Amino acid sequence: VQLQASGGGLVQAGGSLRLSCAAPGRTFSNYDMGWFRQAPGKERDFVAAIEWGFGSPYYSDSAKGRFTITRDMAKNTMYLQMNRLRPEDTAVYFCAVRYGDSDISNERSYGSWGQGTLVTVSS
């Protein structure tokens, strides 16, 4: 089952966006979930993740203090609130489900990747 990421768009530096990640017809309430991003010509990088149990969040150094990851179990949806956006945040953002046991920031632990949503931050 692929996840569906949405909410991307064009925003000026310093602005905000909220990304959503949904899993129509499927629940992932017992799984950690995460956000990754891939800038043009670069590898896909970890942005944030949230544990299924207590909902503990994890962030990349770049995301700390600016981004907030949450999930709504009732809606089976995960969110990424992005504030104080910078041009270097420009990328396609992907959400995924963590199935493996390696580090929570390791994309090899993740699956059910969606198509991604493009975030463009202008300077």
PDB file of N, CA and C in Angstrom:
ATOM      1  N   VAL A   1       0.848  -1.185   0.000  1.00  0.00           N
ATOM      2  CA  VAL A   1       0.000   0.000   0.000  1.00  0.00           C
ATOM      3  C   VAL A   1       0.886   1.237   0.000  1.00  0.00           C
ATOM      4  N   GLN A   2       0.702   2.134  -0.941  1.00  0.00           N
ATOM      5  CA  GLN A   2       1.485   3.352  -0.985  1.00  0.00           C
ATOM      6  C   GLN A   2       0.807   4.460  -0.206  1.00  0.00           C
ATOM      7  N   LEU A   3       1.631   5.243   0.428  1.00  0.00           N
ATOM      8  CA  LEU A   3       1.121   6.400   1.135  1.00  0.00           C
ATOM      9  C   LEU A   3       0.923   7.553   0.172  1.00  0.00           C
ATOM     10  N   GLN A   4       0.096   8.509   0.582  1.00  0.00           N
ATOM     11  CA  GLN A   4      -0.164   9.670  -0.257  1.00  0.00           C
ATOM     12  C   GLN A   4       0.259  10.921   0.490  1.00  0.00           C
ATOM     13  N   ALA A   5       1.296  11.580  -0.025  1.00  0.00           N
ATOM     14  CA  ALA A   5       1.764  12.826   0.551  1.00  0.00           C
ATOM     15  C   ALA A   5       1.151  13.992  -0.210  1.00  0.00           C
ATOM     16  N   SER A   6       0.808  15.043   0.519  1.00  0.00           N
ATOM     17  CA  SER A   6       0.236  16.227  -0.104  1.00  0.00           C
ATOM     18  C   SER A   6       0.580  17.455   0.718  1.00  0.00           C
ATOM     19  N   GLY A   7       0.267  18.624   0.160  1.00  0.00           N
ATOM     20  CA  GLY A   7       0.488  19.863   0.879  1.00  0.00           C
ATOM     21  C   GLY A   7       1.673  20.685   0.419  1.00  0.00           C
ATOM     22  N   GLY A   8       2.427  20.157  -0.533  1.00  0.00           N
ATOM     23  CA  GLY A   8       3.557  20.916  -1.037  1.00  0.00           C
ATOM     24  C   GLY A   8       3.114  22.120  -1.854  1.00  0.00           C
ATOM     25  N   GLY A   9       4.073  22.940  -2.207  1.00  0.00           N
ATOM     26  CA  GLY A   9       3.765  24.116  -3.006  1.00  0.00           C
ATOM     27  C   GLY A   9       4.931  25.072  -3.031  1.00  0.00           C
ATOM     28  N   LEU A  10       4.657  26.259  -3.531  1.00  0.00           N
ATOM     29  CA  LEU A  10       5.659  27.309  -3.632  1.00  0.00           C
ATOM     30  C   LEU A  10       5.450  28.300  -2.492  1.00  0.00           C
ATOM     31  N   VAL A  11       6.514  28.590  -1.770  1.00  0.00           N
ATOM     32  CA  VAL A  11       6.420  29.511  -0.645  1.00  0.00           C
ATOM     33  C   VAL A  11       7.695  30.342  -0.584  1.00  0.00           C
ATOM     34  N   GLN A  12       7.578  31.536  -0.075  1.00  0.00           N
ATOM     35  CA  GLN A  12       8.753  32.385   0.082  1.00  0.00           C
ATOM     36  C   GLN A  12       9.548  31.970   1.313  1.00  0.00           C
ATOM     37  N   ALA A  13      10.808  32.279   1.289  1.00  0.00           N
ATOM     38  CA  ALA A  13      11.655  32.011   2.444  1.00  0.00           C
ATOM     39  C   ALA A  13      11.060  32.672   3.685  1.00  0.00           C
ATOM     40  N   GLY A  14      11.071  31.913   4.790  1.00  0.00           N
ATOM     41  CA  GLY A  14      10.470  32.404   6.018  1.00  0.00           C
ATOM     42  C   GLY A  14       9.026  31.983   6.198  1.00  0.00           C
ATOM     43  N   GLY A  15       8.429  31.456   5.140  1.00  0.00           N
ATOM     44  CA  GLY A  15       7.036  31.038   5.197  1.00  0.00           C
ATOM     45  C   GLY A  15       6.858  29.649   5.776  1.00  0.00           C
ATOM     46  N   SER A  16       5.614  29.175   5.725  1.00  0.00           N
ATOM     47  CA  SER A  16       5.266  27.886   6.326  1.00  0.00           C
ATOM     48  C   SER A  16       4.433  27.051   5.370  1.00  0.00           C
ATOM     49  N   LEU A  17       4.539  25.748   5.558  1.00  0.00           N
ATOM     50  CA  LEU A  17       3.696  24.782   4.867  1.00  0.00           C
ATOM     51  C   LEU A  17       3.404  23.631   5.809  1.00  0.00           C
ATOM     52  N   ARG A  18       2.281  22.980   5.607  1.00  0.00           N
ATOM     53  CA  ARG A  18       1.978  21.762   6.345  1.00  0.00           C
ATOM     54  C   ARG A  18       1.746  20.626   5.363  1.00  0.00           C
ATOM     55  N   LEU A  19       2.565  19.621   5.472  1.00  0.00           N
ATOM     56  CA  LEU A  19       2.432  18.441   4.637  1.00  0.00           C
ATOM     57  C   LEU A  19       1.583  17.399   5.357  1.00  0.00           C
ATOM     58  N   SER A  20       0.838  16.649   4.572  1.00  0.00           N
ATOM     59  CA  SER A  20       0.024  15.564   5.109  1.00  0.00           C
ATOM     60  C   SER A  20       0.416  14.258   4.445  1.00  0.00           C
ATOM     61  N   CYS A  21       0.242  13.184   5.177  1.00  0.00           N
ATOM     62  CA  CYS A  21       0.537  11.857   4.651  1.00  0.00           C
ATOM     63  C   CYS A  21      -0.602  10.939   5.070  1.00  0.00           C
ATOM     64  N   ALA A  22      -1.306  10.410   4.086  1.00  0.00           N
ATOM     65  CA  ALA A  22      -2.463   9.576   4.371  1.00  0.00           C
ATOM     66  C   ALA A  22      -2.259   8.174   3.808  1.00  0.00           C
ATOM     67  N   ALA A  23      -2.982   7.253   4.373  1.00  0.00           N
ATOM     68  CA  ALA A  23      -2.925   5.859   3.931  1.00  0.00           C
ATOM     69  C   ALA A  23      -4.354   5.374   3.732  1.00  0.00           C
ATOM     70  N   PRO A  24      -4.944   5.690   2.614  1.00  0.00           N
ATOM     71  CA  PRO A  24      -6.349   5.330   2.394  1.00  0.00           C
ATOM     72  C   PRO A  24      -6.588   3.836   2.503  1.00  0.00           C
ATOM     73  N   GLY A  25      -7.542   3.485   3.345  1.00  0.00           N
ATOM     74  CA  GLY A  25      -7.936   2.097   3.461  1.00  0.00           C
ATOM     75  C   GLY A  25      -7.000   1.226   4.259  1.00  0.00           C
ATOM     76  N   ARG A  26      -6.018   1.827   4.894  1.00  0.00           N
ATOM     77  CA  ARG A  26      -5.038   1.018   5.637  1.00  0.00           C
ATOM     78  C   ARG A  26      -4.629   1.787   6.879  1.00  0.00           C
ATOM     79  N   THR A  27      -4.444   1.077   7.983  1.00  0.00           N
ATOM     80  CA  THR A  27      -3.986   1.733   9.192  1.00  0.00           C
ATOM     81  C   THR A  27      -2.537   1.363   9.472  1.00  0.00           C
ATOM     82  N   PHE A  28      -1.771   2.321   9.909  1.00  0.00           N
ATOM     83  CA  PHE A  28      -0.378   2.089  10.279  1.00  0.00           C
ATOM     84  C   PHE A  28      -0.155   2.498  11.723  1.00  0.00           C
ATOM     85  N   SER A  29      -1.163   2.316  12.542  1.00  0.00           N
ATOM     86  CA  SER A  29      -1.096   2.804  13.906  1.00  0.00           C
ATOM     87  C   SER A  29      -0.031   2.095  14.736  1.00  0.00           C
ATOM     88  N   ASN A  30       0.409   0.922  14.340  1.00  0.00           N
ATOM     89  CA  ASN A  30       1.416   0.190  15.113  1.00  0.00           C
ATOM     90  C   ASN A  30       2.821   0.334  14.533  1.00  0.00           C
ATOM     91  N   TYR A  31       3.009   1.327  13.671  1.00  0.00           N
ATOM     92  CA  TYR A  31       4.303   1.506  13.022  1.00  0.00           C
ATOM     93  C   TYR A  31       4.826   2.921  13.217  1.00  0.00           C
ATOM     94  N   ASP A  32       6.133   3.008  13.341  1.00  0.00           N
ATOM     95  CA  ASP A  32       6.765   4.328  13.238  1.00  0.00           C
ATOM     96  C   ASP A  32       6.596   4.809  11.803  1.00  0.00           C
ATOM     97  N   MET A  33       6.566   6.116  11.643  1.00  0.00           N
ATOM     98  CA  MET A  33       6.472   6.680  10.304  1.00  0.00           C
ATOM     99  C   MET A  33       7.441   7.846  10.184  1.00  0.00           C
ATOM    100  N   GLY A  34       7.800   8.160   8.962  1.00  0.00           N
ATOM    101  CA  GLY A  34       8.794   9.206   8.791  1.00  0.00           C
ATOM    102  C   GLY A  34       8.611  10.027   7.538  1.00  0.00           C
ATOM    103  N   TRP A  35       9.328  11.138   7.511  1.00  0.00           N
ATOM    104  CA  TRP A  35       9.404  12.020   6.348  1.00  0.00           C
ATOM    105  C   TRP A  35      10.857  12.067   5.873  1.00  0.00           C
ATOM    106  N   PHE A  36      11.004  12.000   4.587  1.00  0.00           N
ATOM    107  CA  PHE A  36      12.306  12.151   3.951  1.00  0.00           C
ATOM    108  C   PHE A  36      12.159  13.162   2.826  1.00  0.00           C
ATOM    109  N   ARG A  37      13.274  13.656   2.329  1.00  0.00           N
ATOM    110  CA  ARG A  37      13.208  14.589   1.215  1.00  0.00           C
ATOM    111  C   ARG A  37      14.383  14.361   0.278  1.00  0.00           C
ATOM    112  N   GLN A  38      14.133  14.710  -0.972  1.00  0.00           N
ATOM    113  CA  GLN A  38      15.167  14.566  -1.981  1.00  0.00           C
ATOM    114  C   GLN A  38      15.227  15.818  -2.824  1.00  0.00           C
ATOM    115  N   ALA A  39      16.334  16.505  -2.711  1.00  0.00           N
ATOM    116  CA  ALA A  39      16.562  17.708  -3.513  1.00  0.00           C
ATOM    117  C   ALA A  39      17.093  17.295  -4.884  1.00  0.00           C
ATOM    118  N   PRO A  40      16.944  18.156  -5.885  1.00  0.00           N
ATOM    119  CA  PRO A  40      17.427  17.820  -7.232  1.00  0.00           C
ATOM    120  C   PRO A  40      18.898  17.446  -7.240  1.00  0.00           C
ATOM    121  N   GLY A  41      19.191  16.291  -7.808  1.00  0.00           N
ATOM    122  CA  GLY A  41      20.571  15.859  -7.923  1.00  0.00           C
ATOM    123  C   GLY A  41      21.188  15.318  -6.649  1.00  0.00           C
ATOM    124  N   LYS A  42      20.386  15.159  -5.621  1.00  0.00           N
ATOM    125  CA  LYS A  42      20.919  14.688  -4.338  1.00  0.00           C
ATOM    126  C   LYS A  42      20.206  13.413  -3.891  1.00  0.00           C
ATOM    127  N   GLU A  43      20.784  12.771  -2.889  1.00  0.00           N
ATOM    128  CA  GLU A  43      20.176  11.574  -2.344  1.00  0.00           C
ATOM    129  C   GLU A  43      19.008  11.945  -1.430  1.00  0.00           C
ATOM    130  N   ARG A  44      18.198  10.963  -1.156  1.00  0.00           N
ATOM    131  CA  ARG A  44      17.078  11.175  -0.255  1.00  0.00           C
ATOM    132  C   ARG A  44      17.587  11.214   1.185  1.00  0.00           C
ATOM    133  N   ASP A  45      17.155  12.217   1.929  1.00  0.00           N
ATOM    134  CA  ASP A  45      17.631  12.436   3.297  1.00  0.00           C
ATOM    135  C   ASP A  45      16.496  12.372   4.306  1.00  0.00           C
ATOM    136  N   PHE A  46      16.834  11.946   5.490  1.00  0.00           N
ATOM    137  CA  PHE A  46      15.888  11.907   6.597  1.00  0.00           C
ATOM    138  C   PHE A  46      15.534  13.319   7.039  1.00  0.00           C
ATOM    139  N   VAL A  47      14.246  13.524   7.349  1.00  0.00           N
ATOM    140  CA  VAL A  47      13.793  14.811   7.860  1.00  0.00           C
ATOM    141  C   VAL A  47      13.259  14.655   9.284  1.00  0.00           C
ATOM    142  N   ALA A  48      12.298  13.747   9.459  1.00  0.00           N
ATOM    143  CA  ALA A  48      11.674  13.571  10.770  1.00  0.00           C
ATOM    144  C   ALA A  48      10.971  12.223  10.815  1.00  0.00           C
ATOM    145  N   ALA A  49      10.777  11.730  12.026  1.00  0.00           N
ATOM    146  CA  ALA A  49      10.049  10.482  12.223  1.00  0.00           C
ATOM    147  C   ALA A  49       9.288  10.562  13.534  1.00  0.00           C
ATOM    148  N   ILE A  50       8.278   9.711  13.649  1.00  0.00           N
ATOM    149  CA  ILE A  50       7.476   9.694  14.863  1.00  0.00           C
ATOM    150  C   ILE A  50       7.195   8.244  15.240  1.00  0.00           C
ATOM    151  N   GLU A  51       7.404   7.923  16.511  1.00  0.00           N
ATOM    152  CA  GLU A  51       7.174   6.569  16.988  1.00  0.00           C
ATOM    153  C   GLU A  51       5.683   6.308  17.154  1.00  0.00           C
ATOM    154  N   TRP A  52       5.275   5.065  16.968  1.00  0.00           N
ATOM    155  CA  TRP A  52       3.862   4.753  17.026  1.00  0.00           C
ATOM    156  C   TRP A  52       3.343   4.740  18.445  1.00  0.00           C
ATOM    157  N   GLY A  53       4.167   4.382  19.426  1.00  0.00           N
ATOM    158  CA  GLY A  53       3.701   4.213  20.800  1.00  0.00           C
ATOM    159  C   GLY A  53       3.374   5.528  21.481  1.00  0.00           C
ATOM    160  N   PHE A  54       4.419   6.194  21.933  1.00  0.00           N
ATOM    161  CA  PHE A  54       4.241   7.458  22.649  1.00  0.00           C
ATOM    162  C   PHE A  54       4.266   8.663  21.709  1.00  0.00           C
ATOM    163  N   GLY A  55       4.491   8.396  20.457  1.00  0.00           N
ATOM    164  CA  GLY A  55       4.528   9.496  19.509  1.00  0.00           C
ATOM    165  C   GLY A  55       5.782  10.341  19.634  1.00  0.00           C
ATOM    166  N   SER A  56       6.858   9.748  20.127  1.00  0.00           N
ATOM    167  CA  SER A  56       8.108  10.509  20.270  1.00  0.00           C
ATOM    168  C   SER A  56       8.631  10.927  18.900  1.00  0.00           C
ATOM    169  N   PRO A  57       8.993  12.185  18.759  1.00  0.00           N
ATOM    170  CA  PRO A  57       9.491  12.662  17.470  1.00  0.00           C
ATOM    171  C   PRO A  57      11.018  12.622  17.380  1.00  0.00           C
ATOM    172  N   TYR A  58      11.488  12.495  16.178  1.00  0.00           N
ATOM    173  CA  TYR A  58      12.920  12.555  15.880  1.00  0.00           C
ATOM    174  C   TYR A  58      13.102  13.490  14.688  1.00  0.00           C
ATOM    175  N   TYR A  59      14.160  14.281  14.729  1.00  0.00           N
ATOM    176  CA  TYR A  59      14.384  15.267  13.679  1.00  0.00           C
ATOM    177  C   TYR A  59      15.834  15.264  13.210  1.00  0.00           C
ATOM    178  N   SER A  60      15.990  15.615  11.965  1.00  0.00           N
ATOM    179  CA  SER A  60      17.336  15.889  11.482  1.00  0.00           C
ATOM    180  C   SER A  60      17.789  17.207  12.090  1.00  0.00           C
ATOM    181  N   ASP A  61      19.081  17.434  12.051  1.00  0.00           N
ATOM    182  CA  ASP A  61      19.594  18.700  12.582  1.00  0.00           C
ATOM    183  C   ASP A  61      18.977  19.882  11.845  1.00  0.00           C
ATOM    184  N   SER A  62      18.755  19.723  10.558  1.00  0.00           N
ATOM    185  CA  SER A  62      18.198  20.814   9.769  1.00  0.00           C
ATOM    186  C   SER A  62      16.761  21.120  10.146  1.00  0.00           C
ATOM    187  N   ALA A  63      16.033  20.116  10.558  1.00  0.00           N
ATOM    188  CA  ALA A  63      14.614  20.275  10.858  1.00  0.00           C
ATOM    189  C   ALA A  63      14.350  20.715  12.301  1.00  0.00           C
ATOM    190  N   LYS A  64      15.268  20.458  13.173  1.00  0.00           N
ATOM    191  CA  LYS A  64      15.067  20.784  14.593  1.00  0.00           C
ATOM    192  C   LYS A  64      14.769  22.253  14.788  1.00  0.00           C
ATOM    193  N   GLY A  65      13.730  22.524  15.555  1.00  0.00           N
ATOM    194  CA  GLY A  65      13.379  23.899  15.870  1.00  0.00           C
ATOM    195  C   GLY A  65      12.534  24.591  14.828  1.00  0.00           C
ATOM    196  N   ARG A  66      12.398  23.973  13.651  1.00  0.00           N
ATOM    197  CA  ARG A  66      11.594  24.586  12.585  1.00  0.00           C
ATOM    198  C   ARG A  66      10.420  23.702  12.155  1.00  0.00           C
ATOM    199  N   PHE A  67      10.637  22.401  12.179  1.00  0.00           N
ATOM    200  CA  PHE A  67       9.612  21.464  11.720  1.00  0.00           C
ATOM    201  C   PHE A  67       9.022  20.713  12.908  1.00  0.00           C
ATOM    202  N   THR A  68       7.756  20.337  12.783  1.00  0.00           N
ATOM    203  CA  THR A  68       7.093  19.551  13.807  1.00  0.00           C
ATOM    204  C   THR A  68       6.339  18.403  13.157  1.00  0.00           C
ATOM    205  N   ILE A  69       6.625  17.193  13.607  1.00  0.00           N
ATOM    206  CA  ILE A  69       5.941  16.020  13.075  1.00  0.00           C
ATOM    207  C   ILE A  69       4.881  15.566  14.064  1.00  0.00           C
ATOM    208  N   THR A  70       3.701  15.286  13.564  1.00  0.00           N
ATOM    209  CA  THR A  70       2.605  14.796  14.396  1.00  0.00           C
ATOM    210  C   THR A  70       1.827  13.741  13.622  1.00  0.00           C
ATOM    211  N   ARG A  71       0.958  13.051  14.336  1.00  0.00           N
ATOM    212  CA  ARG A  71       0.077  12.113  13.661  1.00  0.00           C
ATOM    213  C   ARG A  71      -1.273  12.105  14.354  1.00  0.00           C
ATOM    214  N   ASP A  72      -2.305  11.920  13.557  1.00  0.00           N
ATOM    215  CA  ASP A  72      -3.670  11.847  14.050  1.00  0.00           C
ATOM    216  C   ASP A  72      -4.132  10.411  13.818  1.00  0.00           C
ATOM    217  N   MET A  73      -4.175   9.645  14.905  1.00  0.00           N
ATOM    218  CA  MET A  73      -4.522   8.227  14.780  1.00  0.00           C
ATOM    219  C   MET A  73      -5.938   8.044  14.263  1.00  0.00           C
ATOM    220  N   ALA A  74      -6.835   8.916  14.700  1.00  0.00           N
ATOM    221  CA  ALA A  74      -8.232   8.790  14.289  1.00  0.00           C
ATOM    222  C   ALA A  74      -8.380   8.988  12.775  1.00  0.00           C
ATOM    223  N   LYS A  75      -7.549   9.865  12.228  1.00  0.00           N
ATOM    224  CA  LYS A  75      -7.617  10.143  10.792  1.00  0.00           C
ATOM    225  C   LYS A  75      -6.605   9.327  10.001  1.00  0.00           C
ATOM    226  N   ASN A  76      -5.782   8.556  10.717  1.00  0.00           N
ATOM    227  CA  ASN A  76      -4.765   7.750  10.041  1.00  0.00           C
ATOM    228  C   ASN A  76      -3.891   8.612   9.147  1.00  0.00           C
ATOM    229  N   THR A  77      -3.513   9.750   9.677  1.00  0.00           N
ATOM    230  CA  THR A  77      -2.762  10.738   8.896  1.00  0.00           C
ATOM    231  C   THR A  77      -1.589  11.264   9.709  1.00  0.00           C
ATOM    232  N   MET A  78      -0.485  11.477   9.023  1.00  0.00           N
ATOM    233  CA  MET A  78       0.706  12.070   9.629  1.00  0.00           C
ATOM    234  C   MET A  78       0.928  13.445   9.008  1.00  0.00           C
ATOM    235  N   TYR A  79       1.478  14.359   9.791  1.00  0.00           N
ATOM    236  CA  TYR A  79       1.687  15.728   9.317  1.00  0.00           C
ATOM    237  C   TYR A  79       3.135  16.153   9.540  1.00  0.00           C
ATOM    238  N   LEU A  80       3.546  17.109   8.754  1.00  0.00           N
ATOM    239  CA  LEU A  80       4.833  17.772   8.962  1.00  0.00           C
ATOM    240  C   LEU A  80       4.586  19.264   8.821  1.00  0.00           C
ATOM    241  N   GLN A  81       4.584  19.951   9.941  1.00  0.00           N
ATOM    242  CA  GLN A  81       4.458  21.403   9.933  1.00  0.00           C
ATOM    243  C   GLN A  81       5.851  21.991   9.753  1.00  0.00           C
ATOM    244  N   MET A  82       6.023  22.766   8.700  1.00  0.00           N
ATOM    245  CA  MET A  82       7.328  23.335   8.385  1.00  0.00           C
ATOM    246  C   MET A  82       7.246  24.850   8.473  1.00  0.00           C
ATOM    247  N   ASN A  83       8.010  25.405   9.379  1.00  0.00           N
ATOM    248  CA  ASN A  83       8.049  26.849   9.586  1.00  0.00           C
ATOM    249  C   ASN A  83       9.430  27.389   9.243  1.00  0.00           C
ATOM    250  N   ARG A  84       9.490  28.681   9.055  1.00  0.00           N
ATOM    251  CA  ARG A  84      10.759  29.365   8.741  1.00  0.00           C
ATOM    252  C   ARG A  84      11.503  28.631   7.627  1.00  0.00           C
ATOM    253  N   LEU A  85      10.794  28.384   6.567  1.00  0.00           N
ATOM    254  CA  LEU A  85      11.371  27.636   5.454  1.00  0.00           C
ATOM    255  C   LEU A  85      12.507  28.414   4.796  1.00  0.00           C
ATOM    256  N   ARG A  86      13.469  27.650   4.286  1.00  0.00           N
ATOM    257  CA  ARG A  86      14.651  28.205   3.642  1.00  0.00           C
ATOM    258  C   ARG A  86      14.736  27.673   2.215  1.00  0.00           C
ATOM    259  N   PRO A  87      15.411  28.372   1.342  1.00  0.00           N
ATOM    260  CA  PRO A  87      15.566  27.855  -0.034  1.00  0.00           C
ATOM    261  C   PRO A  87      16.169  26.450  -0.061  1.00  0.00           C
ATOM    262  N   GLU A  88      17.043  26.133   0.866  1.00  0.00           N
ATOM    263  CA  GLU A  88      17.660  24.805   0.896  1.00  0.00           C
ATOM    264  C   GLU A  88      16.690  23.704   1.339  1.00  0.00           C
ATOM    265  N   ASP A  89      15.477  24.078   1.750  1.00  0.00           N
ATOM    266  CA  ASP A  89      14.449  23.075   2.053  1.00  0.00           C
ATOM    267  C   ASP A  89      13.732  22.611   0.794  1.00  0.00           C
ATOM    268  N   THR A  90      14.027  23.237  -0.331  1.00  0.00           N
ATOM    269  CA  THR A  90      13.405  22.855  -1.589  1.00  0.00           C
ATOM    270  C   THR A  90      13.738  21.409  -1.933  1.00  0.00           C
ATOM    271  N   ALA A  91      12.689  20.605  -2.113  1.00  0.00           N
ATOM    272  CA  ALA A  91      12.882  19.169  -2.370  1.00  0.00           C
ATOM    273  C   ALA A  91      11.520  18.525  -2.579  1.00  0.00           C
ATOM    274  N   VAL A  92      11.560  17.297  -3.031  1.00  0.00           N
ATOM    275  CA  VAL A  92      10.363  16.459  -3.001  1.00  0.00           C
ATOM    276  C   VAL A  92      10.338  15.755  -1.650  1.00  0.00           C
ATOM    277  N   TYR A  93       9.249  15.863  -0.961  1.00  0.00           N
ATOM    278  CA  TYR A  93       9.112  15.286   0.373  1.00  0.00           C
ATOM    279  C   TYR A  93       8.289  13.999   0.271  1.00  0.00           C
ATOM    280  N   PHE A  94       8.827  12.958   0.887  1.00  0.00           N
ATOM    281  CA  PHE A  94       8.197  11.652   0.878  1.00  0.00           C
ATOM    282  C   PHE A  94       7.860  11.219   2.294  1.00  0.00           C
ATOM    283  N   CYS A  95       6.756  10.499   2.430  1.00  0.00           N
ATOM    284  CA  CYS A  95       6.468   9.869   3.704  1.00  0.00           C
ATOM    285  C   CYS A  95       6.545   8.349   3.524  1.00  0.00           C
ATOM    286  N   ALA A  96       6.794   7.674   4.618  1.00  0.00           N
ATOM    287  CA  ALA A  96       6.988   6.232   4.546  1.00  0.00           C
ATOM    288  C   ALA A  96       6.720   5.601   5.909  1.00  0.00           C
ATOM    289  N   VAL A  97       6.575   4.294   5.877  1.00  0.00           N
ATOM    290  CA  VAL A  97       6.332   3.512   7.085  1.00  0.00           C
ATOM    291  C   VAL A  97       7.603   2.757   7.440  1.00  0.00           C
ATOM    292  N   ARG A  98       7.923   2.737   8.705  1.00  0.00           N
ATOM    293  CA  ARG A  98       9.138   2.049   9.149  1.00  0.00           C
ATOM    294  C   ARG A  98       8.834   0.602   9.483  1.00  0.00           C
ATOM    295  N   TYR A  99       9.421  -0.299   8.728  1.00  0.00           N
ATOM    296  CA  TYR A  99       9.218  -1.724   8.940  1.00  0.00           C
ATOM    297  C   TYR A  99      10.442  -2.402   9.547  1.00  0.00           C
ATOM    298  N   GLY A 100      11.597  -1.792   9.403  1.00  0.00           N
ATOM    299  CA  GLY A 100      12.827  -2.430   9.837  1.00  0.00           C
ATOM    300  C   GLY A 100      13.271  -1.993  11.221  1.00  0.00           C
ATOM    301  N   ASP A 101      14.419  -2.552  11.644  1.00  0.00           N
ATOM    302  CA  ASP A 101      14.922  -2.303  12.984  1.00  0.00           C
ATOM    303  C   ASP A 101      16.150  -1.414  13.033  1.00  0.00           C
ATOM    304  N   SER A 102      16.647  -0.999  11.903  1.00  0.00           N
ATOM    305  CA  SER A 102      17.828  -0.151  11.929  1.00  0.00           C
ATOM    306  C   SER A 102      17.434   1.244  12.409  1.00  0.00           C
ATOM    307  N   ASP A 103      18.408   2.116  12.494  1.00  0.00           N
ATOM    308  CA  ASP A 103      18.181   3.459  13.027  1.00  0.00           C
ATOM    309  C   ASP A 103      16.962   4.127  12.405  1.00  0.00           C
ATOM    310  N   ILE A 104      16.239   4.847  13.207  1.00  0.00           N
ATOM    311  CA  ILE A 104      14.984   5.441  12.731  1.00  0.00           C
ATOM    312  C   ILE A 104      15.193   6.436  11.605  1.00  0.00           C
ATOM    313  N   SER A 105      16.399   6.927  11.449  1.00  0.00           N
ATOM    314  CA  SER A 105      16.690   7.870  10.364  1.00  0.00           C
ATOM    315  C   SER A 105      17.171   7.173   9.093  1.00  0.00           C
ATOM    316  N   ASN A 106      17.281   5.857   9.131  1.00  0.00           N
ATOM    317  CA  ASN A 106      17.792   5.098   7.987  1.00  0.00           C
ATOM    318  C   ASN A 106      16.653   4.744   7.044  1.00  0.00           C
ATOM    319  N   GLU A 107      16.719   5.247   5.827  1.00  0.00           N
ATOM    320  CA  GLU A 107      15.611   5.027   4.899  1.00  0.00           C
ATOM    321  C   GLU A 107      15.457   3.569   4.518  1.00  0.00           C
ATOM    322  N   ARG A 108      16.489   2.762   4.729  1.00  0.00           N
ATOM    323  CA  ARG A 108      16.379   1.340   4.396  1.00  0.00           C
ATOM    324  C   ARG A 108      15.384   0.633   5.294  1.00  0.00           C
ATOM    325  N   SER A 109      15.018   1.243   6.408  1.00  0.00           N
ATOM    326  CA  SER A 109      14.035   0.649   7.305  1.00  0.00           C
ATOM    327  C   SER A 109      12.609   0.887   6.841  1.00  0.00           C
ATOM    328  N   TYR A 110      12.448   1.722   5.847  1.00  0.00           N
ATOM    329  CA  TYR A 110      11.134   2.207   5.477  1.00  0.00           C
ATOM    330  C   TYR A 110      10.608   1.596   4.188  1.00  0.00           C
ATOM    331  N   GLY A 111       9.263   1.586   4.096  1.00  0.00           N
ATOM    332  CA  GLY A 111       8.615   1.116   2.886  1.00  0.00           C
ATOM    333  C   GLY A 111       7.298   1.847   2.691  1.00  0.00           C
ATOM    334  N   SER A 112       6.526   1.349   1.741  1.00  0.00           N
ATOM    335  CA  SER A 112       5.241   1.970   1.393  1.00  0.00           C
ATOM    336  C   SER A 112       5.418   3.430   0.988  1.00  0.00           C
ATOM    337  N   TRP A 113       6.505   3.708   0.290  1.00  0.00           N
ATOM    338  CA  TRP A 113       6.786   5.075  -0.131  1.00  0.00           C
ATOM    339  C   TRP A 113       5.692   5.573  -1.066  1.00  0.00           C
ATOM    340  N   GLY A 114       5.277   6.804  -0.852  1.00  0.00           N
ATOM    341  CA  GLY A 114       4.330   7.435  -1.752  1.00  0.00           C
ATOM    342  C   GLY A 114       5.053   8.149  -2.876  1.00  0.00           C
ATOM    343  N   GLN A 115       4.308   8.932  -3.634  1.00  0.00           N
ATOM    344  CA  GLN A 115       4.874   9.611  -4.805  1.00  0.00           C
ATOM    345  C   GLN A 115       5.606  10.888  -4.436  1.00  0.00           C
ATOM    346  N   GLY A 116       5.425  11.378  -3.250  1.00  0.00           N
ATOM    347  CA  GLY A 116       6.087  12.598  -2.812  1.00  0.00           C
ATOM    348  C   GLY A 116       5.299  13.845  -3.177  1.00  0.00           C
ATOM    349  N   THR A 117       5.641  14.925  -2.496  1.00  0.00           N
ATOM    350  CA  THR A 117       5.037  16.223  -2.778  1.00  0.00           C
ATOM    351  C   THR A 117       6.143  17.266  -2.837  1.00  0.00           C
ATOM    352  N   LEU A 118       6.086  18.118  -3.846  1.00  0.00           N
ATOM    353  CA  LEU A 118       7.166  19.059  -4.101  1.00  0.00           C
ATOM    354  C   LEU A 118       7.002  20.322  -3.270  1.00  0.00           C
ATOM    355  N   VAL A 119       8.065  20.671  -2.582  1.00  0.00           N
ATOM    356  CA  VAL A 119       8.139  21.923  -1.830  1.00  0.00           C
ATOM    357  C   VAL A 119       9.202  22.790  -2.473  1.00  0.00           C
ATOM    358  N   THR A 120       8.815  24.000  -2.850  1.00  0.00           N
ATOM    359  CA  THR A 120       9.747  24.944  -3.451  1.00  0.00           C
ATOM    360  C   THR A 120       9.758  26.209  -2.616  1.00  0.00           C
ATOM    361  N   VAL A 121      10.932  26.580  -2.147  1.00  0.00           N
ATOM    362  CA  VAL A 121      11.076  27.764  -1.315  1.00  0.00           C
ATOM    363  C   VAL A 121      11.891  28.783  -2.094  1.00  0.00           C
ATOM    364  N   SER A 122      11.296  29.904  -2.360  1.00  0.00           N
ATOM    365  CA  SER A 122      11.984  30.948  -3.117  1.00  0.00           C
ATOM    366  C   SER A 122      12.672  31.925  -2.171  1.00  0.00           C
ATOM    367  N   SER A 123      13.763  32.470  -2.658  1.00  0.00           N
ATOM    368  CA  SER A 123      14.536  33.396  -1.807  1.00  0.00           C
ATOM    369  C   SER A 123      14.061  34.822  -1.974  1.00  0.00           C
TER     370      SER A 123
END
